[in-house]
Amino acid sequence: MALTEIEYGSLASSEVMNNNFEYLDNRISELSQSQISGLASINSNIVSINTALSGLGDSVDESVEEINTTLGEIGSMVEESGLYVTTYINGASWCREYFSDKDKTTRLWMVQGGHSNYGSSQYQTRTINFVKAFTAICNVTAILVGAGGGADSNQGVSSWSTGSFVYMHRAWGSGVSWVAFGK
């Protein structure tokens, strides 16, 4: 059954009016049922999502507990081994010190490195200061960075001390990347 159009100003029979009302009532009922069904589906999805989130929350809590336990174990191992670490970063240079005591007064080992940029140049000698001075003579490795750096064997560390090293190169380069280690 469909809605019957009634012309403006004309009289409609009770049968036409009742059929129109019945049609509208059926349409309203259908829409109401559709909305109730859709709402039930949404509520079901919300329950499923809440269940999944609850399970995920439990999983996250378990993972955090595992991580905290592992970090505690690592901390204990570091303390038991007598190894305490401090790391410094200063621009393009860095330094990591390893100590035997918690107060960090007895350094066992130190590694540091960085990059010293000096623009494109050739036939240069550069003195590069360490981030932190060593307590004894150290070992240094450095490599020329930039065009020609890989093609020239006349480059390298010419001397070093506890506080700096001298780097010389013949080829064109824009800087030197280096690492030093010692006590």
N, C-alpha and C. Protein backbone atom coordinates (compact mmCIF):
# COMPACT_ATOMS: atom_id res chain seq x y z
N MET A 1 0.85 -1.15 0.00
CA MET A 1 0.00 0.00 0.00
C MET A 1 0.91 1.23 0.00
N ALA A 2 0.47 2.26 -0.69
CA ALA A 2 1.22 3.50 -0.80
C ALA A 2 0.39 4.64 -0.25
N LEU A 3 1.02 5.73 -0.05
CA LEU A 3 0.34 6.95 0.42
C LEU A 3 -0.45 7.53 -0.74
N THR A 4 -1.73 7.83 -0.48
CA THR A 4 -2.60 8.40 -1.50
C THR A 4 -2.61 9.90 -1.34
N GLU A 5 -2.34 10.60 -2.44
CA GLU A 5 -2.31 12.06 -2.40
C GLU A 5 -3.74 12.60 -2.45
N ILE A 6 -3.99 13.54 -1.57
CA ILE A 6 -5.31 14.18 -1.51
C ILE A 6 -5.11 15.62 -1.96
N GLU A 7 -5.88 16.03 -2.97
CA GLU A 7 -5.74 17.38 -3.49
C GLU A 7 -6.20 18.39 -2.46
N TYR A 8 -5.56 19.54 -2.51
CA TYR A 8 -5.91 20.62 -1.59
C TYR A 8 -7.35 21.06 -1.84
N GLY A 9 -8.13 21.13 -0.75
CA GLY A 9 -9.51 21.60 -0.83
C GLY A 9 -10.50 20.51 -1.15
N SER A 10 -10.03 19.29 -1.42
CA SER A 10 -10.99 18.23 -1.73
C SER A 10 -11.25 17.40 -0.48
N LEU A 11 -12.32 16.67 -0.51
CA LEU A 11 -12.68 15.80 0.60
C LEU A 11 -12.17 14.41 0.30
N ALA A 12 -11.65 13.76 1.33
CA ALA A 12 -11.15 12.40 1.17
C ALA A 12 -12.04 11.47 1.97
N SER A 13 -12.22 10.30 1.46
CA SER A 13 -13.06 9.33 2.16
C SER A 13 -12.32 8.84 3.39
N SER A 14 -13.06 8.31 4.31
CA SER A 14 -12.46 7.78 5.53
C SER A 14 -11.54 6.60 5.20
N GLU A 15 -11.87 5.86 4.15
CA GLU A 15 -11.04 4.73 3.75
C GLU A 15 -9.67 5.24 3.28
N VAL A 16 -9.62 6.29 2.46
CA VAL A 16 -8.36 6.87 1.99
C VAL A 16 -7.58 7.41 3.17
N MET A 17 -8.27 8.13 4.07
CA MET A 17 -7.60 8.71 5.24
C MET A 17 -7.03 7.58 6.12
N ASN A 18 -7.84 6.55 6.38
CA ASN A 18 -7.37 5.44 7.21
C ASN A 18 -6.20 4.72 6.55
N ASN A 19 -6.25 4.52 5.24
CA ASN A 19 -5.13 3.88 4.53
C ASN A 19 -3.86 4.72 4.63
N ASN A 20 -4.00 6.04 4.50
CA ASN A 20 -2.83 6.93 4.63
C ASN A 20 -2.25 6.86 6.05
N PHE A 21 -3.13 6.90 7.07
CA PHE A 21 -2.66 6.81 8.46
C PHE A 21 -1.99 5.46 8.73
N GLU A 22 -2.58 4.39 8.18
CA GLU A 22 -2.01 3.06 8.36
C GLU A 22 -0.63 2.98 7.69
N TYR A 23 -0.51 3.56 6.50
CA TYR A 23 0.77 3.59 5.78
C TYR A 23 1.82 4.33 6.60
N LEU A 24 1.45 5.53 7.11
CA LEU A 24 2.40 6.31 7.91
C LEU A 24 2.76 5.60 9.20
N ASP A 25 1.75 4.95 9.84
CA ASP A 25 2.01 4.21 11.07
C ASP A 25 2.99 3.05 10.80
N ASN A 26 2.80 2.34 9.68
CA ASN A 26 3.71 1.25 9.32
C ASN A 26 5.13 1.76 9.07
N ARG A 27 5.24 2.87 8.37
CA ARG A 27 6.56 3.46 8.08
C ARG A 27 7.27 3.87 9.37
N ILE A 28 6.49 4.49 10.30
CA ILE A 28 7.07 4.91 11.59
C ILE A 28 7.53 3.68 12.36
N SER A 29 6.74 2.61 12.35
CA SER A 29 7.11 1.37 13.05
C SER A 29 8.37 0.75 12.45
N GLU A 30 8.44 0.74 11.10
CA GLU A 30 9.62 0.19 10.43
C GLU A 30 10.88 0.99 10.80
N LEU A 31 10.78 2.31 10.79
CA LEU A 31 11.93 3.16 11.13
C LEU A 31 12.33 2.96 12.59
N SER A 32 11.33 2.84 13.45
CA SER A 32 11.61 2.63 14.87
C SER A 32 12.33 1.30 15.07
N GLN A 33 11.87 0.23 14.40
CA GLN A 33 12.51 -1.07 14.50
C GLN A 33 13.94 -1.03 13.95
N SER A 34 14.12 -0.30 12.86
CA SER A 34 15.44 -0.16 12.27
C SER A 34 16.39 0.55 13.23
N GLN A 35 15.91 1.61 13.89
CA GLN A 35 16.74 2.33 14.85
C GLN A 35 17.07 1.47 16.06
N ILE A 36 16.08 0.71 16.55
CA ILE A 36 16.31 -0.17 17.69
C ILE A 36 17.34 -1.23 17.33
N SER A 37 17.22 -1.79 16.12
CA SER A 37 18.18 -2.80 15.67
C SER A 37 19.58 -2.21 15.54
N GLY A 38 19.68 -1.02 14.96
CA GLY A 38 20.97 -0.34 14.82
C GLY A 38 21.59 -0.02 16.17
N LEU A 39 20.76 0.44 17.10
CA LEU A 39 21.24 0.77 18.45
C LEU A 39 21.73 -0.48 19.16
N ALA A 40 21.00 -1.60 18.99
CA ALA A 40 21.44 -2.86 19.59
C ALA A 40 22.79 -3.29 19.02
N SER A 41 22.99 -3.10 17.72
CA SER A 41 24.26 -3.45 17.08
C SER A 41 25.39 -2.57 17.62
N ILE A 42 25.11 -1.28 17.77
CA ILE A 42 26.12 -0.35 18.31
C ILE A 42 26.46 -0.74 19.75
N ASN A 43 25.45 -1.04 20.56
CA ASN A 43 25.70 -1.44 21.95
C ASN A 43 26.52 -2.72 22.01
N SER A 44 26.23 -3.65 21.12
CA SER A 44 26.99 -4.90 21.07
C SER A 44 28.45 -4.61 20.73
N ASN A 45 28.67 -3.71 19.77
CA ASN A 45 30.05 -3.33 19.40
C ASN A 45 30.76 -2.65 20.55
N ILE A 46 30.05 -1.82 21.30
CA ILE A 46 30.65 -1.12 22.45
C ILE A 46 31.08 -2.14 23.50
N VAL A 47 30.22 -3.14 23.76
CA VAL A 47 30.57 -4.18 24.72
C VAL A 47 31.82 -4.93 24.25
N SER A 48 31.88 -5.26 22.96
CA SER A 48 33.04 -5.97 22.41
C SER A 48 34.31 -5.12 22.55
N ILE A 49 34.20 -3.84 22.24
CA ILE A 49 35.35 -2.93 22.35
C ILE A 49 35.80 -2.82 23.80
N ASN A 50 34.84 -2.66 24.72
CA ASN A 50 35.19 -2.56 26.14
C ASN A 50 35.90 -3.81 26.62
N THR A 51 35.43 -4.97 26.18
CA THR A 51 36.06 -6.23 26.56
C THR A 51 37.50 -6.29 26.02
N ALA A 52 37.65 -5.90 24.74
CA ALA A 52 38.98 -5.91 24.13
C ALA A 52 39.92 -4.93 24.84
N LEU A 53 39.41 -3.73 25.16
CA LEU A 53 40.24 -2.73 25.85
C LEU A 53 40.61 -3.19 27.24
N SER A 54 39.69 -3.84 27.91
CA SER A 54 39.98 -4.35 29.24
C SER A 54 41.09 -5.39 29.18
N GLY A 55 41.00 -6.30 28.19
CA GLY A 55 42.05 -7.30 28.01
C GLY A 55 43.37 -6.66 27.64
N LEU A 56 43.32 -5.64 26.79
CA LEU A 56 44.54 -4.92 26.39
C LEU A 56 45.15 -4.21 27.59
N GLY A 57 44.31 -3.61 28.42
CA GLY A 57 44.80 -2.93 29.62
C GLY A 57 45.52 -3.91 30.54
N ASP A 58 44.93 -5.12 30.70
CA ASP A 58 45.58 -6.14 31.52
C ASP A 58 46.92 -6.54 30.92
N SER A 59 46.96 -6.67 29.59
CA SER A 59 48.20 -7.03 28.91
C SER A 59 49.26 -5.95 29.08
N VAL A 60 48.84 -4.69 28.98
CA VAL A 60 49.79 -3.57 29.15
C VAL A 60 50.32 -3.57 30.58
N ASP A 61 49.43 -3.79 31.56
CA ASP A 61 49.86 -3.82 32.95
C ASP A 61 50.89 -4.94 33.18
N GLU A 62 50.64 -6.12 32.58
CA GLU A 62 51.58 -7.22 32.71
C GLU A 62 52.92 -6.87 32.07
N SER A 63 52.87 -6.23 30.89
CA SER A 63 54.11 -5.85 30.20
C SER A 63 54.90 -4.84 31.01
N VAL A 64 54.21 -3.86 31.59
CA VAL A 64 54.89 -2.85 32.42
C VAL A 64 55.54 -3.53 33.63
N GLU A 65 54.83 -4.48 34.24
CA GLU A 65 55.41 -5.20 35.37
C GLU A 65 56.66 -5.97 34.95
N GLU A 66 56.60 -6.63 33.79
CA GLU A 66 57.76 -7.37 33.28
C GLU A 66 58.93 -6.44 33.02
N ILE A 67 58.65 -5.28 32.41
CA ILE A 67 59.71 -4.31 32.11
C ILE A 67 60.33 -3.80 33.41
N ASN A 68 59.49 -3.46 34.39
CA ASN A 68 60.02 -2.98 35.67
C ASN A 68 60.86 -4.04 36.36
N THR A 69 60.41 -5.30 36.30
CA THR A 69 61.18 -6.39 36.90
C THR A 69 62.53 -6.53 36.19
N THR A 70 62.51 -6.50 34.87
CA THR A 70 63.75 -6.62 34.09
C THR A 70 64.70 -5.47 34.38
N LEU A 71 64.16 -4.24 34.45
CA LEU A 71 65.01 -3.09 34.77
C LEU A 71 65.62 -3.22 36.15
N GLY A 72 64.83 -3.72 37.10
CA GLY A 72 65.36 -3.95 38.45
C GLY A 72 66.48 -4.96 38.44
N GLU A 73 66.30 -6.04 37.66
CA GLU A 73 67.33 -7.06 37.56
C GLU A 73 68.60 -6.50 36.92
N ILE A 74 68.43 -5.69 35.87
CA ILE A 74 69.59 -5.08 35.21
C ILE A 74 70.31 -4.15 36.18
N GLY A 75 69.52 -3.34 36.91
CA GLY A 75 70.13 -2.44 37.90
C GLY A 75 70.91 -3.21 38.95
N SER A 76 70.35 -4.33 39.40
CA SER A 76 71.06 -5.16 40.39
C SER A 76 72.34 -5.73 39.80
N MET A 77 72.27 -6.20 38.55
CA MET A 77 73.46 -6.76 37.91
C MET A 77 74.54 -5.69 37.76
N VAL A 78 74.13 -4.46 37.40
CA VAL A 78 75.12 -3.38 37.23
C VAL A 78 75.75 -3.07 38.58
N GLU A 79 74.94 -2.98 39.63
CA GLU A 79 75.49 -2.68 40.95
C GLU A 79 76.39 -3.80 41.43
N GLU A 80 75.96 -5.06 41.21
CA GLU A 80 76.76 -6.20 41.64
C GLU A 80 78.08 -6.28 40.88
N SER A 81 78.06 -5.86 39.60
CA SER A 81 79.29 -5.92 38.82
C SER A 81 80.20 -4.74 39.12
N GLY A 82 79.69 -3.78 39.88
CA GLY A 82 80.50 -2.61 40.21
C GLY A 82 80.66 -1.67 39.05
N LEU A 83 79.71 -1.65 38.13
CA LEU A 83 79.82 -0.82 36.95
C LEU A 83 78.76 0.27 36.98
N TYR A 84 79.19 1.50 36.99
CA TYR A 84 78.28 2.65 36.97
C TYR A 84 78.65 3.49 35.77
N VAL A 85 77.66 3.93 35.00
CA VAL A 85 77.91 4.59 33.72
C VAL A 85 77.38 6.00 33.74
N THR A 86 78.13 6.92 33.16
CA THR A 86 77.69 8.30 32.96
C THR A 86 77.93 8.63 31.49
N THR A 87 76.94 9.27 30.87
CA THR A 87 77.06 9.65 29.46
C THR A 87 76.89 11.15 29.33
N TYR A 88 77.77 11.79 28.57
CA TYR A 88 77.70 13.21 28.28
C TYR A 88 77.53 13.39 26.77
N ILE A 89 76.76 14.37 26.38
CA ILE A 89 76.65 14.72 24.97
C ILE A 89 76.84 16.23 24.88
N ASN A 90 77.77 16.65 23.98
CA ASN A 90 78.07 18.06 23.84
C ASN A 90 78.12 18.37 22.34
N GLY A 91 77.00 18.79 21.78
CA GLY A 91 76.94 19.06 20.34
C GLY A 91 77.13 17.78 19.56
N ALA A 92 78.17 17.74 18.71
CA ALA A 92 78.42 16.56 17.89
C ALA A 92 79.39 15.59 18.58
N SER A 93 79.76 15.87 19.82
CA SER A 93 80.69 15.01 20.56
C SER A 93 79.97 14.35 21.73
N TRP A 94 80.49 13.21 22.16
CA TRP A 94 79.89 12.47 23.26
C TRP A 94 80.99 11.79 24.06
N CYS A 95 80.62 11.38 25.27
CA CYS A 95 81.57 10.72 26.16
C CYS A 95 80.79 9.77 27.07
N ARG A 96 81.30 8.57 27.25
CA ARG A 96 80.69 7.61 28.18
C ARG A 96 81.78 7.10 29.11
N GLU A 97 81.54 7.27 30.42
CA GLU A 97 82.50 6.85 31.44
C GLU A 97 81.94 5.67 32.21
N TYR A 98 82.82 4.74 32.58
CA TYR A 98 82.45 3.56 33.36
C TYR A 98 83.20 3.63 34.69
N PHE A 99 82.46 3.61 35.79
CA PHE A 99 83.03 3.74 37.13
C PHE A 99 82.83 2.45 37.92
N SER A 100 83.68 2.24 38.92
CA SER A 100 83.56 1.05 39.76
C SER A 100 82.77 1.33 41.03
N ASP A 101 82.51 2.60 41.35
CA ASP A 101 81.79 2.91 42.59
C ASP A 101 80.57 3.78 42.31
N LYS A 102 79.62 3.70 43.21
CA LYS A 102 78.36 4.40 43.04
C LYS A 102 78.56 5.92 43.03
N ASP A 103 79.54 6.42 43.77
CA ASP A 103 79.80 7.86 43.81
C ASP A 103 80.54 8.34 42.58
N LYS A 104 80.95 7.42 41.74
CA LYS A 104 81.63 7.72 40.47
C LYS A 104 82.91 8.51 40.66
N THR A 105 83.72 8.01 41.59
CA THR A 105 85.02 8.65 41.82
C THR A 105 86.17 7.85 41.21
N THR A 106 85.95 6.56 40.94
CA THR A 106 87.00 5.72 40.37
C THR A 106 86.58 5.28 38.97
N ARG A 107 87.16 5.95 37.97
CA ARG A 107 86.84 5.62 36.58
C ARG A 107 87.66 4.42 36.14
N LEU A 108 86.97 3.44 35.55
CA LEU A 108 87.63 2.25 35.03
C LEU A 108 87.96 2.39 33.55
N TRP A 109 87.07 3.05 32.81
CA TRP A 109 87.19 3.09 31.35
C TRP A 109 86.41 4.27 30.83
N MET A 110 86.83 4.81 29.69
CA MET A 110 86.08 5.91 29.07
C MET A 110 86.18 5.76 27.55
N VAL A 111 85.06 6.00 26.89
CA VAL A 111 84.99 6.01 25.43
C VAL A 111 84.35 7.32 25.04
N GLN A 112 84.92 7.99 24.05
CA GLN A 112 84.32 9.23 23.57
C GLN A 112 84.57 9.38 22.09
N GLY A 113 83.75 10.20 21.47
CA GLY A 113 83.88 10.37 20.03
C GLY A 113 83.13 11.60 19.58
N GLY A 114 83.14 11.82 18.27
CA GLY A 114 82.42 12.97 17.75
C GLY A 114 82.78 13.27 16.32
N HIS A 115 82.36 14.41 15.90
CA HIS A 115 82.66 14.89 14.56
C HIS A 115 83.07 16.36 14.68
N SER A 116 84.22 16.69 14.14
CA SER A 116 84.68 18.07 14.12
C SER A 116 84.60 18.56 12.68
N ASN A 117 83.78 19.54 12.47
CA ASN A 117 83.56 20.10 11.13
C ASN A 117 84.43 21.33 10.98
N TYR A 118 85.18 21.43 9.87
CA TYR A 118 86.03 22.60 9.68
C TYR A 118 85.97 23.17 8.27
N GLY A 119 84.96 22.85 7.51
CA GLY A 119 84.84 23.39 6.16
C GLY A 119 85.76 22.67 5.20
N SER A 120 85.55 22.87 3.94
CA SER A 120 86.32 22.17 2.92
C SER A 120 87.74 22.72 2.86
N SER A 121 88.70 21.84 3.09
CA SER A 121 90.10 22.29 3.05
C SER A 121 91.00 21.11 2.68
N GLN A 122 92.28 21.46 2.35
CA GLN A 122 93.25 20.46 1.95
C GLN A 122 94.55 20.77 2.68
N TYR A 123 95.39 19.75 2.91
CA TYR A 123 96.68 19.91 3.59
C TYR A 123 96.51 20.64 4.92
N GLN A 124 95.79 20.02 5.82
CA GLN A 124 95.53 20.67 7.11
C GLN A 124 95.99 19.79 8.27
N THR A 125 96.29 20.46 9.35
CA THR A 125 96.58 19.80 10.63
C THR A 125 95.63 20.43 11.65
N ARG A 126 94.90 19.60 12.35
CA ARG A 126 93.90 20.08 13.30
C ARG A 126 94.16 19.48 14.67
N THR A 127 94.04 20.31 15.70
CA THR A 127 94.07 19.82 17.07
C THR A 127 92.63 19.75 17.55
N ILE A 128 92.23 18.58 17.97
CA ILE A 128 90.85 18.37 18.42
C ILE A 128 90.88 17.98 19.90
N ASN A 129 90.17 18.76 20.70
CA ASN A 129 90.12 18.51 22.14
C ASN A 129 89.07 17.45 22.46
N PHE A 130 89.39 16.58 23.42
CA PHE A 130 88.42 15.59 23.87
C PHE A 130 87.33 16.28 24.68
N VAL A 131 86.20 15.63 24.77
CA VAL A 131 85.09 16.14 25.59
C VAL A 131 85.55 16.18 27.04
N LYS A 132 86.26 15.16 27.46
CA LYS A 132 86.76 15.05 28.82
C LYS A 132 88.15 14.44 28.75
N ALA A 133 89.07 14.93 29.56
CA ALA A 133 90.45 14.42 29.51
C ALA A 133 90.53 13.01 30.09
N PHE A 134 91.41 12.20 29.51
CA PHE A 134 91.69 10.87 30.03
C PHE A 134 92.66 10.99 31.20
N THR A 135 92.71 9.96 32.06
CA THR A 135 93.67 9.98 33.17
C THR A 135 95.00 9.34 32.76
N ALA A 136 95.01 8.65 31.65
CA ALA A 136 96.23 8.03 31.11
C ALA A 136 96.15 8.16 29.59
N ILE A 137 97.26 7.88 28.93
CA ILE A 137 97.29 7.95 27.47
C ILE A 137 96.20 7.03 26.91
N CYS A 138 95.56 7.49 25.86
CA CYS A 138 94.45 6.76 25.26
C CYS A 138 94.79 6.33 23.84
N ASN A 139 93.85 5.67 23.20
CA ASN A 139 93.96 5.30 21.79
C ASN A 139 92.92 6.09 21.01
N VAL A 140 93.27 6.57 19.81
CA VAL A 140 92.37 7.40 19.01
C VAL A 140 92.33 6.87 17.59
N THR A 141 91.13 6.87 17.02
CA THR A 141 90.96 6.55 15.61
C THR A 141 90.14 7.68 14.99
N ALA A 142 90.54 8.16 13.82
CA ALA A 142 89.83 9.26 13.16
C ALA A 142 89.84 9.03 11.66
N ILE A 143 88.81 9.54 11.00
CA ILE A 143 88.73 9.40 9.55
C ILE A 143 88.22 10.70 8.93
N LEU A 144 88.83 11.08 7.81
CA LEU A 144 88.46 12.28 7.08
C LEU A 144 87.07 12.11 6.46
N VAL A 145 86.26 13.13 6.55
CA VAL A 145 84.92 13.10 5.99
C VAL A 145 84.83 14.13 4.88
N GLY A 146 84.27 13.78 3.74
CA GLY A 146 84.08 14.72 2.65
C GLY A 146 84.73 14.24 1.38
N ALA A 147 84.63 15.05 0.37
CA ALA A 147 85.15 14.69 -0.95
C ALA A 147 86.65 14.44 -0.87
N GLY A 148 87.09 13.33 -1.47
CA GLY A 148 88.52 13.00 -1.50
C GLY A 148 88.99 12.28 -0.26
N GLY A 149 88.16 12.24 0.77
CA GLY A 149 88.58 11.63 2.03
C GLY A 149 88.93 10.17 1.90
N GLY A 150 88.19 9.45 1.06
CA GLY A 150 88.45 8.03 0.91
C GLY A 150 89.57 7.73 -0.08
N ALA A 151 89.98 8.71 -0.89
CA ALA A 151 90.94 8.45 -1.95
C ALA A 151 92.38 8.74 -1.52
N ASP A 152 92.58 9.27 -0.35
CA ASP A 152 93.91 9.69 0.05
C ASP A 152 94.36 8.90 1.26
N SER A 153 95.49 8.24 1.17
CA SER A 153 95.98 7.46 2.30
C SER A 153 96.82 8.31 3.26
N ASN A 154 97.13 9.54 2.88
CA ASN A 154 97.93 10.41 3.73
C ASN A 154 97.04 11.22 4.66
N GLN A 155 96.44 10.52 5.60
CA GLN A 155 95.60 11.16 6.60
C GLN A 155 95.66 10.33 7.86
N GLY A 156 95.43 10.95 8.98
CA GLY A 156 95.39 10.19 10.22
C GLY A 156 95.77 11.00 11.42
N VAL A 157 95.78 10.32 12.56
CA VAL A 157 96.14 10.92 13.85
C VAL A 157 97.66 10.93 13.92
N SER A 158 98.23 12.11 14.05
CA SER A 158 99.69 12.19 14.10
C SER A 158 100.23 12.16 15.52
N SER A 159 99.41 12.60 16.48
CA SER A 159 99.83 12.54 17.88
C SER A 159 98.61 12.71 18.77
N TRP A 160 98.74 12.28 20.02
CA TRP A 160 97.63 12.45 20.96
C TRP A 160 98.15 12.47 22.37
N SER A 161 97.32 13.04 23.25
CA SER A 161 97.65 13.12 24.66
C SER A 161 96.37 12.79 25.45
N THR A 162 96.39 13.07 26.73
CA THR A 162 95.19 12.78 27.53
C THR A 162 94.07 13.78 27.27
N GLY A 163 94.38 14.94 26.68
CA GLY A 163 93.36 15.97 26.49
C GLY A 163 92.98 16.28 25.06
N SER A 164 93.78 15.83 24.08
CA SER A 164 93.48 16.16 22.68
C SER A 164 94.26 15.24 21.75
N PHE A 165 93.99 15.40 20.44
CA PHE A 165 94.79 14.69 19.44
C PHE A 165 94.97 15.62 18.24
N VAL A 166 96.00 15.34 17.47
CA VAL A 166 96.29 16.11 16.26
C VAL A 166 95.98 15.23 15.07
N TYR A 167 95.16 15.78 14.17
CA TYR A 167 94.75 15.06 12.97
C TYR A 167 95.27 15.83 11.76
N MET A 168 95.89 15.11 10.82
CA MET A 168 96.41 15.76 9.61
C MET A 168 95.89 15.03 8.38
N HIS A 169 95.71 15.80 7.30
CA HIS A 169 95.23 15.19 6.06
C HIS A 169 95.75 15.97 4.87
N ARG A 170 95.92 15.27 3.77
CA ARG A 170 96.36 15.87 2.52
C ARG A 170 95.19 16.10 1.58
N ALA A 171 94.21 15.21 1.61
CA ALA A 171 93.08 15.29 0.68
C ALA A 171 92.08 16.36 1.11
N TRP A 172 91.19 16.69 0.18
CA TRP A 172 90.12 17.62 0.51
C TRP A 172 89.16 16.93 1.46
N GLY A 173 88.73 17.67 2.46
CA GLY A 173 87.78 17.12 3.43
C GLY A 173 87.06 18.23 4.14
N SER A 174 85.94 17.90 4.75
CA SER A 174 85.16 18.91 5.45
C SER A 174 85.12 18.70 6.95
N GLY A 175 85.72 17.64 7.42
CA GLY A 175 85.71 17.39 8.86
C GLY A 175 86.30 16.03 9.16
N VAL A 176 86.35 15.72 10.44
CA VAL A 176 86.90 14.44 10.87
C VAL A 176 85.94 13.82 11.89
N SER A 177 85.63 12.54 11.69
CA SER A 177 84.87 11.78 12.67
C SER A 177 85.85 10.94 13.44
N TRP A 178 85.70 10.88 14.78
CA TRP A 178 86.71 10.25 15.60
C TRP A 178 86.10 9.52 16.78
N VAL A 179 86.89 8.59 17.33
CA VAL A 179 86.54 7.88 18.56
C VAL A 179 87.85 7.65 19.34
N ALA A 180 87.78 7.79 20.66
CA ALA A 180 88.94 7.59 21.51
C ALA A 180 88.51 6.75 22.71
N PHE A 181 89.43 5.90 23.21
CA PHE A 181 89.10 5.09 24.36
C PHE A 181 90.33 4.89 25.23
N GLY A 182 90.10 4.77 26.50
CA GLY A 182 91.18 4.60 27.46
C GLY A 182 90.65 4.79 28.87
N LYS A 183 91.55 5.15 29.78
CA LYS A 183 91.15 5.30 31.18
C LYS A 183 91.06 6.74 31.59
